Structure formats: structure tokens, C-alpha cells
């Protein structure tokens, strides 16, 4: 009887060991890769979440990169979202090791009051092929989050 118990225990241990050996490399392969300095990447914007907006009612928001508008104006209510997943990621190319700063602006429709720069999403601590989050927060007045995915170019 003892030999049967020991045989079963040995078989179970061998099966578990084999299973762990097969899954261990897969677990390390599933880890998102860090950005490599000097390599080029593109950014797929996913979702802008308007946690607390800067004006009453709705914000009219747009994004700028290098001084030029790259995402047209969208309206966003308090706790609302804007889907940016259809925007071509080739519009956001940057080099690993260098932050990509995307400015968030609120459009003011009248000519007397210029548009307001709400802040900058700094896309610098990202991982390749995984969802990353950048935030713009100003003293509890307003708050926005941007989810994005960094892709190889």
C-alpha cells in the first residue's frame, strides 16, 4: 500500500513539475516589454476620460502635438469619455527614452477668451503592447485620464 501511495505521489509531482516547466517560459514571455531608447514607436490613443471637467456642462477638448492640432475638438461631459481608438497611431510617433508630450486644450468659442491649455499628458513611462494611463490633474479643479497603447513602428 505504501508503494502505491509513493508511486502516485511521485507521478503527481512529476506531472506538476512538467506543467510548471511548460508555463514558466510563457509567463515571462507575457510580460510587456519596456521601451528601448533610440527605437521608434507609435501610439494608439484609446480613451479620454473626463473625470472632473474644467467648465460647467461640457468641455470642448482637443489634443495638440508639437504645436499642431492632431485630434479635432470633441465634447465631454463630467465623468464622460471620448473614444480616440479610430485615430491613426502613425500621427503619434516618438523615440523610446524620450517623452511624448500631448497637450490637452479646452476650446473657447468666443474670440475674446482664448483657448485654455489644461495640461500635458506625458507618455514616457509606457510599456509596449499594453494599456498605459496618463493623467492631467489641476489642484482638484479638473482631472482627465488618457489610456493609450504603445506599438512598435
Protein backbone atom coordinates (compact mmCIF):
# COMPACT_ATOMS: atom_id res chain seq x y z
CA UNK A 1 0.00 0.00 0.00
CA UNK A 2 2.80 2.42 0.84
CA UNK A 3 4.47 1.79 -2.51
CA UNK A 4 1.20 2.70 -4.30
CA UNK A 5 0.94 5.96 -2.35
CA UNK A 6 4.58 6.79 -3.07
CA UNK A 7 4.14 5.97 -6.78
CA UNK A 8 1.08 8.21 -7.01
CA UNK A 9 2.88 10.99 -5.16
CA UNK A 10 5.89 10.68 -7.47
CA UNK A 11 3.66 10.68 -10.57
CA UNK A 12 1.73 13.73 -9.33
CA UNK A 13 4.97 15.56 -8.53
CA UNK A 14 6.36 14.76 -12.00
CA UNK A 15 3.18 15.95 -13.72
CA UNK A 16 3.11 19.17 -11.70
CA UNK A 17 6.80 19.76 -12.37
CA UNK A 18 6.27 19.31 -16.12
CA UNK A 19 3.28 21.64 -16.06
CA UNK A 20 5.25 24.32 -14.22
CA UNK A 21 8.16 23.93 -16.64
CA UNK A 22 5.80 24.50 -19.56
CA UNK A 23 4.08 27.55 -18.06
CA UNK A 24 7.16 29.30 -16.64
CA UNK A 25 8.55 30.43 -20.04
CA UNK A 26 5.08 31.52 -21.15
CA UNK A 27 4.68 33.67 -18.04
CA UNK A 28 7.94 35.51 -18.73
CA UNK A 29 7.04 35.93 -22.44
CA UNK A 30 3.73 37.55 -21.49
CA UNK A 31 5.44 40.42 -19.65
CA UNK A 32 5.17 43.71 -21.57
CA UNK A 33 8.46 44.92 -22.95
CA UNK A 34 9.90 48.25 -21.84
CA UNK A 35 10.64 50.92 -24.42
CA UNK A 36 14.11 50.70 -25.93
CA UNK A 37 15.94 54.06 -26.07
CA UNK A 38 16.52 55.16 -29.64
CA UNK A 39 13.88 52.87 -31.21
CA UNK A 40 10.79 54.40 -32.81
CA UNK A 41 7.28 53.67 -31.58
CA UNK A 42 3.76 54.78 -32.42
CA UNK A 43 0.91 55.47 -30.01
CA UNK A 44 -2.65 54.24 -30.36
CA UNK A 45 -4.88 56.52 -28.33
CA UNK A 46 -7.73 54.63 -26.73
CA UNK A 47 -9.97 56.64 -24.42
CA UNK A 48 -10.05 60.08 -22.84
CA UNK A 49 -11.93 60.04 -19.55
CA UNK A 50 -13.21 63.38 -18.25
CA UNK A 51 -13.24 62.71 -14.52
CA UNK A 52 -13.88 66.35 -13.48
CA UNK A 53 -14.25 68.90 -16.27
CA UNK A 54 -12.95 72.48 -16.30
CA UNK A 55 -16.23 74.20 -17.21
CA UNK A 56 -19.88 73.68 -16.32
CA UNK A 57 -21.88 71.50 -18.70
CA UNK A 58 -19.32 70.19 -21.19
CA UNK A 59 -15.70 70.75 -22.17
CA UNK A 60 -14.81 71.14 -25.84
CA UNK A 61 -11.46 69.33 -25.90
CA UNK A 62 -8.75 68.82 -28.47
CA UNK A 63 -5.19 67.48 -28.45
CA UNK A 64 -2.02 69.13 -29.75
CA UNK A 65 1.37 67.65 -30.52
CA UNK A 66 4.37 69.82 -31.36
CA UNK A 67 2.14 72.92 -31.52
CA UNK A 68 -0.26 71.49 -34.11
CA UNK A 69 -3.76 70.13 -33.56
CA UNK A 70 -3.72 66.37 -34.09
CA UNK A 71 -7.10 65.44 -32.66
CA UNK A 72 -10.10 67.62 -33.50
CA UNK A 73 -12.46 69.02 -30.89
CA UNK A 74 -14.78 66.65 -29.05
CA UNK A 75 -17.26 67.45 -26.31
CA UNK A 76 -17.04 65.67 -23.00
CA UNK A 77 -19.35 65.92 -20.01
CA UNK A 78 -18.42 65.34 -16.36
CA UNK A 79 -17.42 61.67 -15.92
CA UNK A 80 -17.82 61.18 -19.66
CA UNK A 81 -15.46 59.65 -22.19
CA UNK A 82 -14.21 60.32 -25.70
CA UNK A 83 -13.24 57.34 -27.87
CA UNK A 84 -9.98 58.03 -29.72
CA UNK A 85 -9.39 54.46 -30.92
CA UNK A 86 -10.12 55.33 -34.58
CA UNK A 87 -7.27 57.89 -34.72
CA UNK A 88 -4.31 56.73 -36.79
CA UNK A 89 -1.42 55.83 -34.45
CA UNK A 90 1.07 56.97 -37.12
CA UNK A 91 0.20 60.56 -36.05
CA UNK A 92 1.97 59.91 -32.73
CA UNK A 93 5.50 58.67 -33.41
CA UNK A 94 8.25 59.07 -30.85
CA UNK A 95 11.62 57.69 -29.86
CA UNK A 96 11.97 55.39 -26.86
CA UNK A 97 13.63 57.13 -23.94
CA UNK A 98 12.14 60.49 -24.96
CA UNK A 99 8.78 61.54 -23.53
CA UNK A 100 5.93 62.21 -25.91
CA UNK A 101 4.05 65.24 -24.60
CA UNK A 102 0.47 65.54 -25.82
CA UNK A 103 -1.24 68.79 -24.81
CA UNK A 104 -4.88 68.88 -23.73
CA UNK A 105 -6.76 72.06 -24.71
CA UNK A 106 -10.25 73.35 -24.00
CA UNK A 107 -11.74 75.35 -26.86
CA UNK A 108 -13.45 78.64 -26.09
CA UNK A 109 -15.83 79.62 -28.88
CA UNK A 110 -15.62 83.39 -28.48
CA UNK A 111 -12.78 85.50 -29.84
CA UNK A 112 -12.19 87.50 -26.66
CA UNK A 113 -11.34 84.49 -24.48
CA UNK A 114 -8.50 82.37 -25.95
CA UNK A 115 -8.46 78.57 -25.69
CA UNK A 116 -7.22 77.17 -22.40
CA UNK A 117 -4.30 74.77 -22.14
CA UNK A 118 -5.45 72.34 -19.45
CA UNK A 119 -2.21 70.39 -19.21
CA UNK A 120 0.09 67.86 -20.80
CA UNK A 121 -0.24 64.09 -20.98
CA UNK A 122 3.35 62.87 -20.64
CA UNK A 123 3.58 59.50 -22.38
CA UNK A 124 7.01 58.43 -21.12
CA UNK A 125 6.65 55.51 -18.73
CA UNK A 126 4.89 53.18 -21.14
CA UNK A 127 5.19 49.50 -21.94
CA UNK A 128 4.92 48.12 -25.47
CA UNK A 129 1.64 46.37 -26.41
CA UNK A 130 -0.13 47.09 -23.12
CA UNK A 131 -2.63 49.69 -21.95
CA UNK A 132 -0.98 52.67 -20.29
CA UNK A 133 -2.54 55.64 -18.49
CA UNK A 134 -1.50 59.31 -18.43
CA UNK A 135 -3.17 61.94 -16.24
CA UNK A 136 -3.82 65.67 -16.23
CA UNK A 137 -4.88 67.00 -12.83
CA UNK A 138 -5.03 70.60 -11.63
CA UNK A 139 -5.43 71.25 -7.89
CA UNK A 140 -8.70 69.37 -7.67
CA UNK A 141 -10.28 71.78 -10.19
CA UNK A 142 -10.30 69.28 -13.04
CA UNK A 143 -8.97 65.85 -13.90
CA UNK A 144 -8.60 63.81 -17.10
CA UNK A 145 -7.05 60.43 -17.90
CA UNK A 146 -5.87 59.18 -21.28
CA UNK A 147 -5.45 55.48 -21.97
CA UNK A 148 -3.12 54.55 -24.82
CA UNK A 149 -1.11 51.68 -26.23
CA UNK A 150 2.48 51.96 -27.46
CA UNK A 151 3.11 49.87 -30.58
CA UNK A 152 6.31 49.05 -32.47
CA UNK A 153 6.70 51.15 -35.61
